[in-house]
């Protein structure tokens, strides 16, 4: 039997984060929700999603994420993992860190 998968959407520093996790529960700390067993895509190929990589760098070593209840936008139980994202809270557009291009010689 497959583990339950949750899509957790929350606000952080003016951005909307969308992460996937296997465990979501009321926290032992009053007013917080515990999110654990975060799920990230594992790519062995050449193409790497920069947003997924950024989220893995930020939350990859996190055992349990304690989110204040007022920062949570939505928690959904989903059948399969979609693409994790970081969006601007005001516009809803994805926040993408551009790949650095080589500068022109002077």
PDB file of N, CA and C in Angstrom:
ATOM      1  N   UNK A   1       0.839  -1.183   0.000  1.00  0.00           N
ATOM      2  CA  UNK A   1       0.000   0.000   0.000  1.00  0.00           C
ATOM      3  C   UNK A   1       0.881   1.243   0.000  1.00  0.00           C
ATOM      4  N   UNK A   2       0.529   2.202  -0.844  1.00  0.00           N
ATOM      5  CA  UNK A   2       1.313   3.428  -0.969  1.00  0.00           C
ATOM      6  C   UNK A   2       1.054   4.349   0.218  1.00  0.00           C
ATOM      7  N   UNK A   3       2.085   5.104   0.584  1.00  0.00           N
ATOM      8  CA  UNK A   3       1.951   6.064   1.666  1.00  0.00           C
ATOM      9  C   UNK A   3       1.100   7.244   1.201  1.00  0.00           C
ATOM     10  N   UNK A   4       0.374   7.838   2.147  1.00  0.00           N
ATOM     11  CA  UNK A   4      -0.419   9.019   1.846  1.00  0.00           C
ATOM     12  C   UNK A   4       0.517  10.170   1.514  1.00  0.00           C
ATOM     13  N   UNK A   5       0.152  10.966   0.511  1.00  0.00           N
ATOM     14  CA  UNK A   5       0.970  12.090   0.075  1.00  0.00           C
ATOM     15  C   UNK A   5       0.157  13.372   0.207  1.00  0.00           C
ATOM     16  N   UNK A   6       0.780  14.399   0.789  1.00  0.00           N
ATOM     17  CA  UNK A   6       0.127  15.686   0.993  1.00  0.00           C
ATOM     18  C   UNK A   6       0.874  16.781   0.249  1.00  0.00           C
ATOM     19  N   UNK A   7       0.110  17.706  -0.319  1.00  0.00           N
ATOM     20  CA  UNK A   7       0.671  18.921  -0.898  1.00  0.00           C
ATOM     21  C   UNK A   7       0.402  20.018   0.120  1.00  0.00           C
ATOM     22  N   UNK A   8       1.462  20.642   0.632  1.00  0.00           N
ATOM     23  CA  UNK A   8       1.349  21.667   1.663  1.00  0.00           C
ATOM     24  C   UNK A   8       1.720  23.008   1.038  1.00  0.00           C
ATOM     25  N   UNK A   9       0.792  23.967   1.081  1.00  0.00           N
ATOM     26  CA  UNK A   9       1.014  25.299   0.553  1.00  0.00           C
ATOM     27  C   UNK A   9       1.034  26.268   1.723  1.00  0.00           C
ATOM     28  N   UNK A  10       2.121  27.046   1.831  1.00  0.00           N
ATOM     29  CA  UNK A  10       2.244  27.977   2.956  1.00  0.00           C
ATOM     30  C   UNK A  10       2.993  29.240   2.551  1.00  0.00           C
ATOM     31  N   UNK A  11       2.791  30.297   3.337  1.00  0.00           N
ATOM     32  CA  UNK A  11       3.452  31.581   3.108  1.00  0.00           C
ATOM     33  C   UNK A  11       4.745  31.647   3.901  1.00  0.00           C
ATOM     34  N   UNK A  12       5.789  32.186   3.260  1.00  0.00           N
ATOM     35  CA  UNK A  12       7.068  32.369   3.933  1.00  0.00           C
ATOM     36  C   UNK A  12       7.800  33.528   3.258  1.00  0.00           C
ATOM     37  N   UNK A  13       8.064  34.592   4.006  1.00  0.00           N
ATOM     38  CA  UNK A  13       8.841  35.740   3.532  1.00  0.00           C
ATOM     39  C   UNK A  13       8.294  36.314   2.221  1.00  0.00           C
ATOM     40  N   UNK A  14       6.981  36.501   2.134  1.00  0.00           N
ATOM     41  CA  UNK A  14       6.374  37.102   0.956  1.00  0.00           C
ATOM     42  C   UNK A  14       6.255  36.187  -0.241  1.00  0.00           C
ATOM     43  N   UNK A  15       6.513  34.909  -0.029  1.00  0.00           N
ATOM     44  CA  UNK A  15       6.401  33.938  -1.115  1.00  0.00           C
ATOM     45  C   UNK A  15       5.506  32.784  -0.683  1.00  0.00           C
ATOM     46  N   UNK A  16       4.895  32.140  -1.654  1.00  0.00           N
ATOM     47  CA  UNK A  16       4.058  30.971  -1.407  1.00  0.00           C
ATOM     48  C   UNK A  16       4.861  29.739  -1.797  1.00  0.00           C
ATOM     49  N   UNK A  17       5.081  28.862  -0.833  1.00  0.00           N
ATOM     50  CA  UNK A  17       5.831  27.627  -1.046  1.00  0.00           C
ATOM     51  C   UNK A  17       4.849  26.474  -1.210  1.00  0.00           C
ATOM     52  N   UNK A  18       5.145  25.575  -2.140  1.00  0.00           N
ATOM     53  CA  UNK A  18       4.360  24.356  -2.329  1.00  0.00           C
ATOM     54  C   UNK A  18       5.318  23.172  -2.191  1.00  0.00           C
ATOM     55  N   UNK A  19       5.129  22.401  -1.124  1.00  0.00           N
ATOM     56  CA  UNK A  19       5.975  21.235  -0.849  1.00  0.00           C
ATOM     57  C   UNK A  19       5.113  19.989  -0.750  1.00  0.00           C
ATOM     58  N   UNK A  20       5.732  18.836  -0.908  1.00  0.00           N
ATOM     59  CA  UNK A  20       5.048  17.556  -0.758  1.00  0.00           C
ATOM     60  C   UNK A  20       5.648  16.810   0.419  1.00  0.00           C
ATOM     61  N   UNK A  21       4.778  16.137   1.187  1.00  0.00           N
ATOM     62  CA  UNK A  21       5.222  15.408   2.377  1.00  0.00           C
ATOM     63  C   UNK A  21       4.331  14.199   2.613  1.00  0.00           C
ATOM     64  N   UNK A  22       4.866  13.228   3.343  1.00  0.00           N
ATOM     65  CA  UNK A  22       4.106  12.035   3.699  1.00  0.00           C
ATOM     66  C   UNK A  22       3.410  12.164   5.042  1.00  0.00           C
ATOM     67  N   UNK A  23       3.867  13.066   5.910  1.00  0.00           N
ATOM     68  CA  UNK A  23       3.284  13.202   7.249  1.00  0.00           C
ATOM     69  C   UNK A  23       2.893  14.654   7.509  1.00  0.00           C
ATOM     70  N   UNK A  24       1.649  14.876   7.925  1.00  0.00           N
ATOM     71  CA  UNK A  24       1.167  16.181   8.374  1.00  0.00           C
ATOM     72  C   UNK A  24       0.335  15.931   9.617  1.00  0.00           C
ATOM     73  N   UNK A  25       0.627  16.681  10.697  1.00  0.00           N
ATOM     74  CA  UNK A  25      -0.083  16.458  11.958  1.00  0.00           C
ATOM     75  C   UNK A  25      -0.131  17.747  12.766  1.00  0.00           C
ATOM     76  N   UNK A  26      -1.069  17.783  13.710  1.00  0.00           N
ATOM     77  CA  UNK A  26      -1.092  18.882  14.676  1.00  0.00           C
ATOM     78  C   UNK A  26       0.165  18.770  15.514  1.00  0.00           C
ATOM     79  N   UNK A  27       0.809  19.894  15.732  1.00  0.00           N
ATOM     80  CA  UNK A  27       2.078  19.871  16.430  1.00  0.00           C
ATOM     81  C   UNK A  27       1.935  19.820  17.940  1.00  0.00           C
ATOM     82  N   UNK A  28       3.007  19.395  18.587  1.00  0.00           N
ATOM     83  CA  UNK A  28       3.069  19.413  20.045  1.00  0.00           C
ATOM     84  C   UNK A  28       3.153  20.853  20.537  1.00  0.00           C
ATOM     85  N   UNK A  29       3.687  21.735  19.672  1.00  0.00           N
ATOM     86  CA  UNK A  29       3.709  23.162  19.983  1.00  0.00           C
ATOM     87  C   UNK A  29       2.360  23.749  19.595  1.00  0.00           C
ATOM     88  N   UNK A  30       1.700  24.405  20.532  1.00  0.00           N
ATOM     89  CA  UNK A  30       0.365  24.942  20.281  1.00  0.00           C
ATOM     90  C   UNK A  30       0.419  25.969  19.151  1.00  0.00           C
ATOM     91  N   UNK A  31      -0.466  25.819  18.166  1.00  0.00           N
ATOM     92  CA  UNK A  31      -0.551  26.756  17.058  1.00  0.00           C
ATOM     93  C   UNK A  31       0.325  26.411  15.872  1.00  0.00           C
ATOM     94  N   UNK A  32       0.988  25.272  15.917  1.00  0.00           N
ATOM     95  CA  UNK A  32       1.871  24.877  14.825  1.00  0.00           C
ATOM     96  C   UNK A  32       1.413  23.553  14.225  1.00  0.00           C
ATOM     97  N   UNK A  33       1.683  23.384  12.936  1.00  0.00           N
ATOM     98  CA  UNK A  33       1.417  22.140  12.232  1.00  0.00           C
ATOM     99  C   UNK A  33       2.763  21.519  11.876  1.00  0.00           C
ATOM    100  N   UNK A  34       2.907  20.234  12.146  1.00  0.00           N
ATOM    101  CA  UNK A  34       4.152  19.526  11.843  1.00  0.00           C
ATOM    102  C   UNK A  34       4.065  18.873  10.463  1.00  0.00           C
ATOM    103  N   UNK A  35       5.053  19.147   9.645  1.00  0.00           N
ATOM    104  CA  UNK A  35       5.153  18.553   8.314  1.00  0.00           C
ATOM    105  C   UNK A  35       6.481  17.809   8.273  1.00  0.00           C
ATOM    106  N   UNK A  36       6.432  16.506   7.997  1.00  0.00           N
ATOM    107  CA  UNK A  36       7.666  15.716   7.974  1.00  0.00           C
ATOM    108  C   UNK A  36       7.659  14.757   6.794  1.00  0.00           C
ATOM    109  N   UNK A  37       8.775  14.095   6.606  1.00  0.00           N
ATOM    110  CA  UNK A  37       8.999  13.198   5.472  1.00  0.00           C
ATOM    111  C   UNK A  37       8.745  13.929   4.157  1.00  0.00           C
ATOM    112  N   UNK A  38       9.461  15.050   3.978  1.00  0.00           N
ATOM    113  CA  UNK A  38       9.335  15.843   2.759  1.00  0.00           C
ATOM    114  C   UNK A  38       9.778  15.019   1.553  1.00  0.00           C
ATOM    115  N   UNK A  39       9.122  15.243   0.425  1.00  0.00           N
ATOM    116  CA  UNK A  39       9.386  14.476  -0.792  1.00  0.00           C
ATOM    117  C   UNK A  39       9.939  15.423  -1.857  1.00  0.00           C
ATOM    118  N   UNK A  40      11.095  15.068  -2.408  1.00  0.00           N
ATOM    119  CA  UNK A  40      11.710  15.832  -3.490  1.00  0.00           C
ATOM    120  C   UNK A  40      11.970  14.908  -4.656  1.00  0.00           C
ATOM    121  N   UNK A  41      11.964  15.465  -5.880  1.00  0.00           N
ATOM    122  CA  UNK A  41      12.304  14.674  -7.061  1.00  0.00           C
ATOM    123  C   UNK A  41      13.785  14.357  -7.033  1.00  0.00           C
ATOM    124  N   UNK A  42      14.117  13.148  -7.444  1.00  0.00           N
ATOM    125  CA  UNK A  42      15.515  12.743  -7.551  1.00  0.00           C
ATOM    126  C   UNK A  42      15.806  12.573  -9.031  1.00  0.00           C
ATOM    127  N   UNK A  43      16.602  13.490  -9.562  1.00  0.00           N
ATOM    128  CA  UNK A  43      16.946  13.437 -10.983  1.00  0.00           C
ATOM    129  C   UNK A  43      18.411  13.076 -11.127  1.00  0.00           C
ATOM    130  N   UNK A  44      18.673  12.055 -11.907  1.00  0.00           N
ATOM    131  CA  UNK A  44      20.043  11.663 -12.181  1.00  0.00           C
ATOM    132  C   UNK A  44      20.485  12.160 -13.551  1.00  0.00           C
ATOM    133  N   UNK A  45      19.561  12.772 -14.282  1.00  0.00           N
ATOM    134  CA  UNK A  45      19.875  13.211 -15.635  1.00  0.00           C
ATOM    135  C   UNK A  45      20.484  14.597 -15.678  1.00  0.00           C
ATOM    136  N   UNK A  46      20.524  15.135 -16.883  1.00  0.00           N
ATOM    137  CA  UNK A  46      21.133  16.435 -17.124  1.00  0.00           C
ATOM    138  C   UNK A  46      20.191  17.577 -16.759  1.00  0.00           C
ATOM    139  N   UNK A  47      18.894  17.424 -17.011  1.00  0.00           N
ATOM    140  CA  UNK A  47      17.930  18.492 -16.770  1.00  0.00           C
ATOM    141  C   UNK A  47      17.543  18.514 -15.287  1.00  0.00           C
ATOM    142  N   UNK A  48      17.747  19.666 -14.663  1.00  0.00           N
ATOM    143  CA  UNK A  48      17.444  19.837 -13.244  1.00  0.00           C
ATOM    144  C   UNK A  48      16.511  21.020 -13.098  1.00  0.00           C
ATOM    145  N   UNK A  49      15.425  20.849 -12.349  1.00  0.00           N
ATOM    146  CA  UNK A  49      14.491  21.924 -12.077  1.00  0.00           C
ATOM    147  C   UNK A  49      15.119  22.845 -11.023  1.00  0.00           C
ATOM    148  N   UNK A  50      15.385  24.120 -11.340  1.00  0.00           N
ATOM    149  CA  UNK A  50      16.050  25.008 -10.381  1.00  0.00           C
ATOM    150  C   UNK A  50      15.219  25.254  -9.124  1.00  0.00           C
ATOM    151  N   UNK A  51      13.890  25.264  -9.248  1.00  0.00           N
ATOM    152  CA  UNK A  51      13.041  25.470  -8.086  1.00  0.00           C
ATOM    153  C   UNK A  51      13.121  24.281  -7.149  1.00  0.00           C
ATOM    154  N   UNK A  52      13.049  23.088  -7.694  1.00  0.00           N
ATOM    155  CA  UNK A  52      13.160  21.869  -6.889  1.00  0.00           C
ATOM    156  C   UNK A  52      14.522  21.805  -6.198  1.00  0.00           C
ATOM    157  N   UNK A  53      15.556  22.201  -6.913  1.00  0.00           N
ATOM    158  CA  UNK A  53      16.909  22.215  -6.350  1.00  0.00           C
ATOM    159  C   UNK A  53      17.012  23.227  -5.206  1.00  0.00           C
ATOM    160  N   UNK A  54      16.399  24.384  -5.387  1.00  0.00           N
ATOM    161  CA  UNK A  54      16.412  25.425  -4.338  1.00  0.00           C
ATOM    162  C   UNK A  54      15.664  24.946  -3.093  1.00  0.00           C
ATOM    163  N   UNK A  55      14.513  24.298  -3.285  1.00  0.00           N
ATOM    164  CA  UNK A  55      13.744  23.770  -2.157  1.00  0.00           C
ATOM    165  C   UNK A  55      14.515  22.651  -1.453  1.00  0.00           C
ATOM    166  N   UNK A  56      15.176  21.809  -2.209  1.00  0.00           N
ATOM    167  CA  UNK A  56      15.970  20.728  -1.615  1.00  0.00           C
ATOM    168  C   UNK A  56      17.135  21.306  -0.815  1.00  0.00           C
ATOM    169  N   UNK A  57      17.757  22.380  -1.318  1.00  0.00           N
ATOM    170  CA  UNK A  57      18.851  23.025  -0.578  1.00  0.00           C
ATOM    171  C   UNK A  57      18.336  23.616   0.731  1.00  0.00           C
ATOM    172  N   UNK A  58      17.143  24.223   0.695  1.00  0.00           N
ATOM    173  CA  UNK A  58      16.595  24.872   1.886  1.00  0.00           C
ATOM    174  C   UNK A  58      16.022  23.883   2.898  1.00  0.00           C
ATOM    175  N   UNK A  59      15.319  22.850   2.420  1.00  0.00           N
ATOM    176  CA  UNK A  59      14.599  21.942   3.311  1.00  0.00           C
ATOM    177  C   UNK A  59      15.092  20.495   3.272  1.00  0.00           C
ATOM    178  N   UNK A  60      16.142  20.202   2.531  1.00  0.00           N
ATOM    179  CA  UNK A  60      16.604  18.830   2.343  1.00  0.00           C
ATOM    180  C   UNK A  60      17.000  18.106   3.620  1.00  0.00           C
ATOM    181  N   UNK A  61      17.570  18.814   4.582  1.00  0.00           N
ATOM    182  CA  UNK A  61      18.006  18.190   5.835  1.00  0.00           C
ATOM    183  C   UNK A  61      16.993  18.371   6.963  1.00  0.00           C
ATOM    184  N   UNK A  62      15.801  18.838   6.640  1.00  0.00           N
ATOM    185  CA  UNK A  62      14.779  19.105   7.644  1.00  0.00           C
ATOM    186  C   UNK A  62      14.068  17.810   8.014  1.00  0.00           C
ATOM    187  N   UNK A  63      14.070  17.474   9.311  1.00  0.00           N
ATOM    188  CA  UNK A  63      13.338  16.289   9.777  1.00  0.00           C
ATOM    189  C   UNK A  63      11.862  16.617   9.944  1.00  0.00           C
ATOM    190  N   UNK A  64      11.566  17.705  10.653  1.00  0.00           N
ATOM    191  CA  UNK A  64      10.185  18.129  10.868  1.00  0.00           C
ATOM    192  C   UNK A  64      10.111  19.638  10.675  1.00  0.00           C
ATOM    193  N   UNK A  65       9.175  20.068   9.855  1.00  0.00           N
ATOM    194  CA  UNK A  65       8.958  21.481   9.599  1.00  0.00           C
ATOM    195  C   UNK A  65       7.769  21.915  10.453  1.00  0.00           C
ATOM    196  N   UNK A  66       7.980  22.853  11.367  1.00  0.00           N
ATOM    197  CA  UNK A  66       6.906  23.355  12.235  1.00  0.00           C
ATOM    198  C   UNK A  66       6.401  24.656  11.630  1.00  0.00           C
ATOM    199  N   UNK A  67       5.198  24.611  11.064  1.00  0.00           N
ATOM    200  CA  UNK A  67       4.632  25.782  10.405  1.00  0.00           C
ATOM    201  C   UNK A  67       3.549  26.415  11.277  1.00  0.00           C
ATOM    202  N   UNK A  68       3.596  27.742  11.472  1.00  0.00           N
ATOM    203  CA  UNK A  68       2.510  28.400  12.206  1.00  0.00           C
ATOM    204  C   UNK A  68       1.198  28.231  11.427  1.00  0.00           C
ATOM    205  N   UNK A  69       0.116  27.962  12.137  1.00  0.00           N
ATOM    206  CA  UNK A  69      -1.164  27.708  11.461  1.00  0.00           C
ATOM    207  C   UNK A  69      -1.584  28.867  10.557  1.00  0.00           C
ATOM    208  N   UNK A  70      -1.293  30.109  10.959  1.00  0.00           N
ATOM    209  CA  UNK A  70      -1.727  31.250  10.155  1.00  0.00           C
ATOM    210  C   UNK A  70      -0.940  31.386   8.847  1.00  0.00           C
ATOM    211  N   UNK A  71       0.190  30.692   8.709  1.00  0.00           N
ATOM    212  CA  UNK A  71       0.951  30.769   7.465  1.00  0.00           C
ATOM    213  C   UNK A  71       0.501  29.717   6.447  1.00  0.00           C
ATOM    214  N   UNK A  72      -0.275  28.734   6.882  1.00  0.00           N
ATOM    215  CA  UNK A  72      -0.700  27.663   5.976  1.00  0.00           C
ATOM    216  C   UNK A  72      -1.880  28.136   5.133  1.00  0.00           C
ATOM    217  N   UNK A  73      -1.726  27.990   3.833  1.00  0.00           N
ATOM    218  CA  UNK A  73      -2.788  28.352   2.897  1.00  0.00           C
ATOM    219  C   UNK A  73      -3.698  27.151   2.660  1.00  0.00           C
ATOM    220  N   UNK A  74      -3.081  25.969   2.441  1.00  0.00           N
ATOM    221  CA  UNK A  74      -3.863  24.781   2.111  1.00  0.00           C
ATOM    222  C   UNK A  74      -3.032  23.531   2.332  1.00  0.00           C
ATOM    223  N   UNK A  75      -3.708  22.462   2.731  1.00  0.00           N
ATOM    224  CA  UNK A  75      -3.093  21.136   2.790  1.00  0.00           C
ATOM    225  C   UNK A  75      -4.013  20.208   2.022  1.00  0.00           C
ATOM    226  N   UNK A  76      -3.478  19.572   0.989  1.00  0.00           N
ATOM    227  CA  UNK A  76      -4.275  18.687   0.139  1.00  0.00           C
ATOM    228  C   UNK A  76      -3.714  17.271   0.187  1.00  0.00           C
ATOM    229  N   UNK A  77      -4.579  16.283   0.228  1.00  0.00           N
ATOM    230  CA  UNK A  77      -4.156  14.893   0.069  1.00  0.00           C
ATOM    231  C   UNK A  77      -4.229  14.603  -1.422  1.00  0.00           C
ATOM    232  N   UNK A  78      -3.105  14.207  -2.018  1.00  0.00           N
ATOM    233  CA  UNK A  78      -3.030  14.017  -3.460  1.00  0.00           C
ATOM    234  C   UNK A  78      -2.642  12.582  -3.796  1.00  0.00           C
ATOM    235  N   UNK A  79      -2.945  12.177  -5.025  1.00  0.00           N
ATOM    236  CA  UNK A  79      -2.642  10.819  -5.476  1.00  0.00           C
ATOM    237  C   UNK A  79      -1.187  10.670  -5.903  1.00  0.00           C
ATOM    238  N   UNK A  80      -0.621  11.733  -6.496  1.00  0.00           N
ATOM    239  CA  UNK A  80       0.778  11.670  -6.932  1.00  0.00           C
ATOM    240  C   UNK A  80       1.413  13.042  -6.838  1.00  0.00           C
ATOM    241  N   UNK A  81       2.728  13.041  -6.813  1.00  0.00           N
ATOM    242  CA  UNK A  81       3.477  14.281  -6.644  1.00  0.00           C
ATOM    243  C   UNK A  81       3.469  15.092  -7.924  1.00  0.00           C
ATOM    244  N   UNK A  82       3.219  16.371  -7.768  1.00  0.00           N
ATOM    245  CA  UNK A  82       3.346  17.316  -8.871  1.00  0.00           C
ATOM    246  C   UNK A  82       4.659  18.062  -8.725  1.00  0.00           C
ATOM    247  N   UNK A  83       4.741  19.192  -9.378  1.00  0.00           N
ATOM    248  CA  UNK A  83       5.960  19.987  -9.317  1.00  0.00           C
ATOM    249  C   UNK A  83       5.917  20.909  -8.105  1.00  0.00           C
ATOM    250  N   UNK A  84       6.938  20.876  -7.288  1.00  0.00           N
ATOM    251  CA  UNK A  84       7.053  21.805  -6.168  1.00  0.00           C
ATOM    252  C   UNK A  84       7.314  23.192  -6.733  1.00  0.00           C
ATOM    253  N   UNK A  85       6.904  24.231  -5.985  1.00  0.00           N
ATOM    254  CA  UNK A  85       7.038  25.577  -6.532  1.00  0.00           C
ATOM    255  C   UNK A  85       7.248  26.602  -5.430  1.00  0.00           C
ATOM    256  N   UNK A  86       7.812  27.733  -5.847  1.00  0.00           N
ATOM    257  CA  UNK A  86       7.884  28.923  -5.019  1.00  0.00           C
ATOM    258  C   UNK A  86       7.265  30.028  -5.868  1.00  0.00           C
ATOM    259  N   UNK A  87       6.224  30.666  -5.338  1.00  0.00           N
ATOM    260  CA  UNK A  87       5.524  31.705  -6.086  1.00  0.00           C
ATOM    261  C   UNK A  87       5.551  33.020  -5.321  1.00  0.00           C
ATOM    262  N   UNK A  88       5.459  34.103  -6.059  1.00  0.00           N
ATOM    263  CA  UNK A  88       5.337  35.408  -5.443  1.00  0.00           C
ATOM    264  C   UNK A  88       3.933  35.512  -4.852  1.00  0.00           C
ATOM    265  N   UNK A  89       3.818  35.926  -3.601  1.00  0.00           N
ATOM    266  CA  UNK A  89       2.519  35.967  -2.931  1.00  0.00           C
ATOM    267  C   UNK A  89       1.573  36.984  -3.567  1.00  0.00           C
ATOM    268  N   UNK A  90       2.087  38.093  -4.077  1.00  0.00           N
ATOM    269  CA  UNK A  90       1.241  39.135  -4.642  1.00  0.00           C
ATOM    270  C   UNK A  90       0.735  38.778  -6.034  1.00  0.00           C
ATOM    271  N   UNK A  91       1.608  38.261  -6.892  1.00  0.00           N
ATOM    272  CA  UNK A  91       1.231  38.015  -8.281  1.00  0.00           C
ATOM    273  C   UNK A  91       0.881  36.564  -8.576  1.00  0.00           C
ATOM    274  N   UNK A  92       1.404  35.627  -7.780  1.00  0.00           N
ATOM    275  CA  UNK A  92       1.168  34.208  -8.029  1.00  0.00           C
ATOM    276  C   UNK A  92       2.104  33.612  -9.059  1.00  0.00           C
ATOM    277  N   UNK A  93       3.011  34.443  -9.595  1.00  0.00           N
ATOM    278  CA  UNK A  93       3.951  33.950 -10.597  1.00  0.00           C
ATOM    279  C   UNK A  93       5.084  33.191  -9.924  1.00  0.00           C
ATOM    280  N   UNK A  94       5.593  32.187 -10.631  1.00  0.00           N
ATOM    281  CA  UNK A  94       6.707  31.402 -10.090  1.00  0.00           C
ATOM    282  C   UNK A  94       7.938  32.280  -9.944  1.00  0.00           C
ATOM    283  N   UNK A  95       8.644  32.078  -8.843  1.00  0.00           N
ATOM    284  CA  UNK A  95       9.899  32.774  -8.611  1.00  0.00           C
ATOM    285  C   UNK A  95      10.997  31.888  -9.157  1.00  0.00           C
ATOM    286  N   UNK A  96      11.652  32.369 -10.169  1.00  0.00           N
ATOM    287  CA  UNK A  96      12.696  31.580 -10.815  1.00  0.00           C
ATOM    288  C   UNK A  96      14.004  32.338 -10.707  1.00  0.00           C
ATOM    289  N   UNK A  97      15.004  31.669 -10.208  1.00  0.00           N
ATOM    290  CA  UNK A  97      16.331  32.252 -10.170  1.00  0.00           C
ATOM    291  C   UNK A  97      16.978  31.968 -11.513  1.00  0.00           C
ATOM    292  N   UNK A  98      17.275  33.030 -12.292  1.00  0.00           N
ATOM    293  CA  UNK A  98      17.848  32.789 -13.618  1.00  0.00           C
ATOM    294  C   UNK A  98      19.238  32.183 -13.536  1.00  0.00           C
ATOM    295  N   UNK A  99      19.535  31.374 -14.515  1.00  0.00           N
ATOM    296  CA  UNK A  99      20.857  30.769 -14.600  1.00  0.00           C
ATOM    297  C   UNK A  99      21.850  31.872 -14.942  1.00  0.00           C
ATOM    298  N   UNK A 100      22.962  31.977 -14.202  1.00  0.00           N
ATOM    299  CA  UNK A 100      23.922  33.057 -14.496  1.00  0.00           C
ATOM    300  C   UNK A 100      24.563  32.862 -15.859  1.00  0.00           C
ATOM    301  N   UNK A 101      24.545  33.931 -16.623  1.00  0.00           N
ATOM    302  CA  UNK A 101      25.146  33.892 -17.959  1.00  0.00           C
ATOM    303  C   UNK A 101      26.544  34.491 -17.887  1.00  0.00           C
ATOM    304  N   UNK A 102      27.425  34.023 -18.737  1.00  0.00           N
ATOM    305  CA  UNK A 102      28.769  34.612 -18.733  1.00  0.00           C
ATOM    306  C   UNK A 102      28.700  36.070 -19.161  1.00  0.00           C
ATOM    307  N   UNK A 103      29.486  36.899 -18.525  1.00  0.00           N
ATOM    308  CA  UNK A 103      29.490  38.317 -18.891  1.00  0.00           C
ATOM    309  C   UNK A 103      30.401  38.534 -20.087  1.00  0.00           C
ATOM    310  N   UNK A 104      30.123  39.644 -20.785  1.00  0.00           N
ATOM    311  CA  UNK A 104      30.910  39.974 -21.966  1.00  0.00           C
ATOM    312  C   UNK A 104      32.267  40.514 -21.536  1.00  0.00           C
ATOM    313  N   UNK A 105      33.317  40.104 -22.218  1.00  0.00           N
ATOM    314  CA  UNK A 105      34.625  40.662 -21.873  1.00  0.00           C
ATOM    315  C   UNK A 105      34.667  42.149 -22.208  1.00  0.00           C
ATOM    316  N   UNK A 106      35.380  42.892 -21.386  1.00  0.00           N
ATOM    317  CA  UNK A 106      35.442  44.353 -21.606  1.00  0.00           C
ATOM    318  C   UNK A 106      36.704  44.742 -22.277  1.00  0.00           C
TER     319      UNK A 106
END
